[in-house]
Amino acid sequence: MPDAFEKAPGVELRPTTPETTPESERVPVPEQAPAPERRVAETTPVPVPPTMAPVAPVAPPDPVMHALEGILSEDLFDFYRSMPPDLQVRFKTKGDEVAGKIRQMLLGAMIKAKEILKLVSEWLKLIPGVNKFFLEQESKIKTDKIVELHKREFGE
């Protein structure tokens, strides 16, 4: 196996050890400072981000409730948009409440159109400055559509 360091012409190779290296050729090696003591870091608890509460699986949207909300909100966007913000919140809250009550009625064996008409009329009366006859007509139309929805969905 050839030597990795071949002798160059005119150069004498000698083993270099501290005993055989002449004083003039010795390169001073700086003394290394002793390695610092390794201290084990005090284990301070790492702040753990607050865990979020487990999220309940989202139930698939109820198609009957979706249809019901569609019927109730039909043709009311312009009125809703013209309301002051505080009345909009009240109107929406009351509308959600009415939709929930009607949904419970639809789940029952029989529905009472008069009760649905009364709920829808009271809800629509929150709209300011609207003709009384318009409200009655709109309530009747919405009630008829809800009864039709019940017949279609529940077959009665």
C-alpha atoms as a PDB file:
ATOM      1  CA  MET A   1       0.000   0.000   0.000  1.00  0.00           C
ATOM      2  CA  PRO A   2       1.575   3.289  -1.016  1.00  0.00           C
ATOM      3  CA  ASP A   3       2.149   5.854   1.669  1.00  0.00           C
ATOM      4  CA  ALA A   4      -0.336   8.719   1.641  1.00  0.00           C
ATOM      5  CA  PHE A   5       2.540  11.111   2.210  1.00  0.00           C
ATOM      6  CA  GLU A   6       5.206  10.568  -0.310  1.00  0.00           C
ATOM      7  CA  LYS A   7       8.588  12.000   0.190  1.00  0.00           C
ATOM      8  CA  ALA A   8       9.144  15.098  -1.870  1.00  0.00           C
ATOM      9  CA  PRO A   9      12.598  15.396  -3.450  1.00  0.00           C
ATOM     10  CA  GLY A  10      15.029  17.101  -1.142  1.00  0.00           C
ATOM     11  CA  VAL A  11      12.854  16.780   1.956  1.00  0.00           C
ATOM     12  CA  GLU A  12      13.777  14.563   4.801  1.00  0.00           C
ATOM     13  CA  LEU A  13      10.932  12.963   6.667  1.00  0.00           C
ATOM     14  CA  ARG A  14      11.349  12.327  10.343  1.00  0.00           C
ATOM     15  CA  PRO A  15       8.866  11.175  12.861  1.00  0.00           C
ATOM     16  CA  THR A  16       7.779  14.109  14.927  1.00  0.00           C
ATOM     17  CA  THR A  17       7.273  13.567  18.577  1.00  0.00           C
ATOM     18  CA  PRO A  18       7.935  16.041  21.347  1.00  0.00           C
ATOM     19  CA  GLU A  19      11.190  14.240  22.146  1.00  0.00           C
ATOM     20  CA  THR A  20      12.504  14.228  18.554  1.00  0.00           C
ATOM     21  CA  THR A  21      11.319  17.627  17.360  1.00  0.00           C
ATOM     22  CA  PRO A  22      13.957  20.325  17.777  1.00  0.00           C
ATOM     23  CA  GLU A  23      13.023  23.216  20.049  1.00  0.00           C
ATOM     24  CA  SER A  24      13.003  25.701  17.174  1.00  0.00           C
ATOM     25  CA  GLU A  25      10.393  23.724  15.274  1.00  0.00           C
ATOM     26  CA  ARG A  26       8.081  23.171  18.140  1.00  0.00           C
ATOM     27  CA  VAL A  27       4.852  25.087  17.895  1.00  0.00           C
ATOM     28  CA  PRO A  28       3.513  26.180  21.223  1.00  0.00           C
ATOM     29  CA  VAL A  29       0.140  24.670  21.887  1.00  0.00           C
ATOM     30  CA  PRO A  30      -2.018  26.912  23.973  1.00  0.00           C
ATOM     31  CA  GLU A  31      -3.143  25.309  27.134  1.00  0.00           C
ATOM     32  CA  GLN A  32      -6.780  24.649  27.077  1.00  0.00           C
ATOM     33  CA  ALA A  33      -8.802  25.926  29.923  1.00  0.00           C
ATOM     34  CA  PRO A  34     -10.384  23.180  31.894  1.00  0.00           C
ATOM     35  CA  ALA A  35     -13.828  22.345  30.636  1.00  0.00           C
ATOM     36  CA  PRO A  36     -16.448  24.214  32.580  1.00  0.00           C
ATOM     37  CA  GLU A  37     -18.438  22.167  34.969  1.00  0.00           C
ATOM     38  CA  ARG A  38     -21.548  20.960  33.404  1.00  0.00           C
ATOM     39  CA  ARG A  39     -24.390  21.822  35.607  1.00  0.00           C
ATOM     40  CA  VAL A  40     -27.673  20.204  35.152  1.00  0.00           C
ATOM     41  CA  ALA A  41     -30.107  22.991  34.492  1.00  0.00           C
ATOM     42  CA  GLU A  42     -32.746  23.290  37.060  1.00  0.00           C
ATOM     43  CA  THR A  43     -35.830  21.865  35.542  1.00  0.00           C
ATOM     44  CA  THR A  44     -38.342  24.608  35.489  1.00  0.00           C
ATOM     45  CA  PRO A  45     -41.658  23.598  34.090  1.00  0.00           C
ATOM     46  CA  VAL A  46     -42.096  24.735  30.539  1.00  0.00           C
ATOM     47  CA  PRO A  47     -45.286  26.739  30.247  1.00  0.00           C
ATOM     48  CA  VAL A  48     -47.801  24.616  28.441  1.00  0.00           C
ATOM     49  CA  PRO A  49     -50.304  26.463  26.314  1.00  0.00           C
ATOM     50  CA  PRO A  50     -53.794  26.120  27.676  1.00  0.00           C
ATOM     51  CA  THR A  51     -55.512  23.217  26.115  1.00  0.00           C
ATOM     52  CA  MET A  52     -58.748  23.835  24.384  1.00  0.00           C
ATOM     53  CA  ALA A  53     -61.766  22.038  25.643  1.00  0.00           C
ATOM     54  CA  PRO A  54     -62.709  19.163  23.424  1.00  0.00           C
ATOM     55  CA  VAL A  55     -65.022  20.352  20.734  1.00  0.00           C
ATOM     56  CA  ALA A  56     -68.217  18.429  20.443  1.00  0.00           C
ATOM     57  CA  PRO A  57     -68.750  17.057  16.971  1.00  0.00           C
ATOM     58  CA  VAL A  58     -70.900  19.342  14.936  1.00  0.00           C
ATOM     59  CA  ALA A  59     -74.201  17.759  14.133  1.00  0.00           C
ATOM     60  CA  PRO A  60     -75.118  17.760  10.476  1.00  0.00           C
ATOM     61  CA  PRO A  61     -77.496  20.587   9.625  1.00  0.00           C
ATOM     62  CA  ASP A  62     -81.136  19.696  10.030  1.00  0.00           C
ATOM     63  CA  PRO A  63     -82.734  19.968   6.579  1.00  0.00           C
ATOM     64  CA  VAL A  64     -86.180  20.656   8.057  1.00  0.00           C
ATOM     65  CA  MET A  65     -84.838  23.474  10.253  1.00  0.00           C
ATOM     66  CA  HIS A  66     -82.942  24.869   7.281  1.00  0.00           C
ATOM     67  CA  ALA A  67     -86.104  24.864   5.166  1.00  0.00           C
ATOM     68  CA  LEU A  68     -88.079  26.391   8.031  1.00  0.00           C
ATOM     69  CA  GLU A  69     -85.574  29.226   8.456  1.00  0.00           C
ATOM     70  CA  GLY A  70     -85.691  29.789   4.699  1.00  0.00           C
ATOM     71  CA  ILE A  71     -89.473  30.129   4.782  1.00  0.00           C
ATOM     72  CA  LEU A  72     -89.420  32.508   7.734  1.00  0.00           C
ATOM     73  CA  SER A  73     -86.712  34.764   6.320  1.00  0.00           C
ATOM     74  CA  GLU A  74     -88.147  34.878   2.804  1.00  0.00           C
ATOM     75  CA  ASP A  75     -88.828  38.433   1.523  1.00  0.00           C
ATOM     76  CA  LEU A  76     -87.643  40.059   4.768  1.00  0.00           C
ATOM     77  CA  PHE A  77     -84.076  41.029   3.893  1.00  0.00           C
ATOM     78  CA  ASP A  78     -84.889  44.625   2.945  1.00  0.00           C
ATOM     79  CA  PHE A  79     -86.866  45.140   6.161  1.00  0.00           C
ATOM     80  CA  TYR A  80     -84.090  43.576   8.229  1.00  0.00           C
ATOM     81  CA  ARG A  81     -81.415  45.717   6.590  1.00  0.00           C
ATOM     82  CA  SER A  82     -83.358  48.922   7.275  1.00  0.00           C
ATOM     83  CA  MET A  83     -83.676  48.197  11.024  1.00  0.00           C
ATOM     84  CA  PRO A  84     -81.347  49.759  13.571  1.00  0.00           C
ATOM     85  CA  PRO A  85     -78.653  47.311  14.812  1.00  0.00           C
ATOM     86  CA  ASP A  86     -80.201  46.781  18.258  1.00  0.00           C
ATOM     87  CA  LEU A  87     -83.562  45.892  16.702  1.00  0.00           C
ATOM     88  CA  GLN A  88     -81.836  43.590  14.210  1.00  0.00           C
ATOM     89  CA  VAL A  89     -80.401  41.587  17.101  1.00  0.00           C
ATOM     90  CA  ARG A  90     -83.789  41.403  18.822  1.00  0.00           C
ATOM     91  CA  PHE A  91     -85.528  40.441  15.570  1.00  0.00           C
ATOM     92  CA  LYS A  92     -83.013  37.704  14.811  1.00  0.00           C
ATOM     93  CA  THR A  93     -83.142  36.313  18.349  1.00  0.00           C
ATOM     94  CA  LYS A  94     -86.928  36.245  18.329  1.00  0.00           C
ATOM     95  CA  GLY A  95     -86.895  34.655  14.844  1.00  0.00           C
ATOM     96  CA  ASP A  96     -84.584  31.871  16.053  1.00  0.00           C
ATOM     97  CA  GLU A  97     -86.857  31.326  19.041  1.00  0.00           C
ATOM     98  CA  VAL A  98     -89.962  31.143  16.816  1.00  0.00           C
ATOM     99  CA  ALA A  99     -88.198  28.731  14.430  1.00  0.00           C
ATOM    100  CA  GLY A 100     -87.285  26.471  17.357  1.00  0.00           C
ATOM    101  CA  LYS A 101     -90.850  26.425  18.682  1.00  0.00           C
ATOM    102  CA  ILE A 102     -92.275  25.697  15.243  1.00  0.00           C
ATOM    103  CA  ARG A 103     -89.696  22.933  14.764  1.00  0.00           C
ATOM    104  CA  GLN A 104     -90.901  21.317  17.990  1.00  0.00           C
ATOM    105  CA  MET A 105     -94.475  21.540  16.725  1.00  0.00           C
ATOM    106  CA  LEU A 106     -93.463  19.901  13.446  1.00  0.00           C
ATOM    107  CA  LEU A 107     -91.940  16.990  15.347  1.00  0.00           C
ATOM    108  CA  GLY A 108     -95.240  16.389  17.123  1.00  0.00           C
ATOM    109  CA  ALA A 109     -98.008  14.199  15.757  1.00  0.00           C
ATOM    110  CA  MET A 110    -100.244  17.119  14.784  1.00  0.00           C
ATOM    111  CA  ILE A 111     -99.506  20.716  14.038  1.00  0.00           C
ATOM    112  CA  LYS A 112    -101.783  23.594  14.867  1.00  0.00           C
ATOM    113  CA  ALA A 113    -101.744  26.192  12.114  1.00  0.00           C
ATOM    114  CA  LYS A 114    -103.347  28.769  14.422  1.00  0.00           C
ATOM    115  CA  GLU A 115    -100.434  28.554  16.868  1.00  0.00           C
ATOM    116  CA  ILE A 116     -97.909  28.830  14.049  1.00  0.00           C
ATOM    117  CA  LEU A 117     -99.786  31.842  12.642  1.00  0.00           C
ATOM    118  CA  LYS A 118     -99.768  33.497  16.070  1.00  0.00           C
ATOM    119  CA  LEU A 119     -96.014  32.923  16.566  1.00  0.00           C
ATOM    120  CA  VAL A 120     -95.139  34.244  13.104  1.00  0.00           C
ATOM    121  CA  SER A 121     -97.449  37.285  13.492  1.00  0.00           C
ATOM    122  CA  GLU A 122     -95.937  38.256  16.835  1.00  0.00           C
ATOM    123  CA  TRP A 123     -92.452  37.941  15.401  1.00  0.00           C
ATOM    124  CA  LEU A 124     -93.237  40.016  12.305  1.00  0.00           C
ATOM    125  CA  LYS A 125     -94.790  42.774  14.438  1.00  0.00           C
ATOM    126  CA  LEU A 126     -91.253  43.654  15.523  1.00  0.00           C
ATOM    127  CA  ILE A 127     -90.718  45.206  12.079  1.00  0.00           C
ATOM    128  CA  PRO A 128     -91.263  48.956  12.530  1.00  0.00           C
ATOM    129  CA  GLY A 129     -93.545  50.983  10.272  1.00  0.00           C
ATOM    130  CA  VAL A 130     -95.060  48.123   8.292  1.00  0.00           C
ATOM    131  CA  ASN A 131     -98.726  47.986   7.304  1.00  0.00           C
ATOM    132  CA  LYS A 132    -100.826  45.738   9.573  1.00  0.00           C
ATOM    133  CA  PHE A 133    -102.502  44.075   6.591  1.00  0.00           C
ATOM    134  CA  PHE A 134     -99.138  43.307   5.033  1.00  0.00           C
ATOM    135  CA  LEU A 135     -98.052  41.602   8.255  1.00  0.00           C
ATOM    136  CA  GLU A 136    -101.228  39.508   8.379  1.00  0.00           C
ATOM    137  CA  GLN A 137    -100.833  38.500   4.753  1.00  0.00           C
ATOM    138  CA  GLU A 138     -97.150  37.651   5.172  1.00  0.00           C
ATOM    139  CA  SER A 139     -97.897  35.640   8.331  1.00  0.00           C
ATOM    140  CA  LYS A 140    -100.580  33.665   6.505  1.00  0.00           C
ATOM    141  CA  ILE A 141     -98.287  32.932   3.537  1.00  0.00           C
ATOM    142  CA  LYS A 142     -95.478  31.760   5.820  1.00  0.00           C
ATOM    143  CA  THR A 143     -97.869  29.616   7.873  1.00  0.00           C
ATOM    144  CA  ASP A 144     -99.230  27.939   4.721  1.00  0.00           C
ATOM    145  CA  LYS A 145     -95.686  27.175   3.542  1.00  0.00           C
ATOM    146  CA  ILE A 146     -94.785  25.716   6.943  1.00  0.00           C
ATOM    147  CA  VAL A 147     -97.879  23.469   6.889  1.00  0.00           C
ATOM    148  CA  GLU A 148     -96.910  22.360   3.379  1.00  0.00           C
ATOM    149  CA  LEU A 149     -93.376  21.642   4.596  1.00  0.00           C
ATOM    150  CA  HIS A 150     -94.812  19.468   7.379  1.00  0.00           C
ATOM    151  CA  LYS A 151     -96.941  17.507   4.899  1.00  0.00           C
ATOM    152  CA  ARG A 152     -93.971  17.043   2.570  1.00  0.00           C
ATOM    153  CA  GLU A 153     -91.490  16.023   5.279  1.00  0.00           C
ATOM    154  CA  PHE A 154     -93.710  14.009   7.598  1.00  0.00           C
ATOM    155  CA  GLY A 155     -96.367  12.822   5.156  1.00  0.00           C
ATOM    156  CA  GLU A 156     -99.460  14.048   6.979  1.00  0.00           C
END
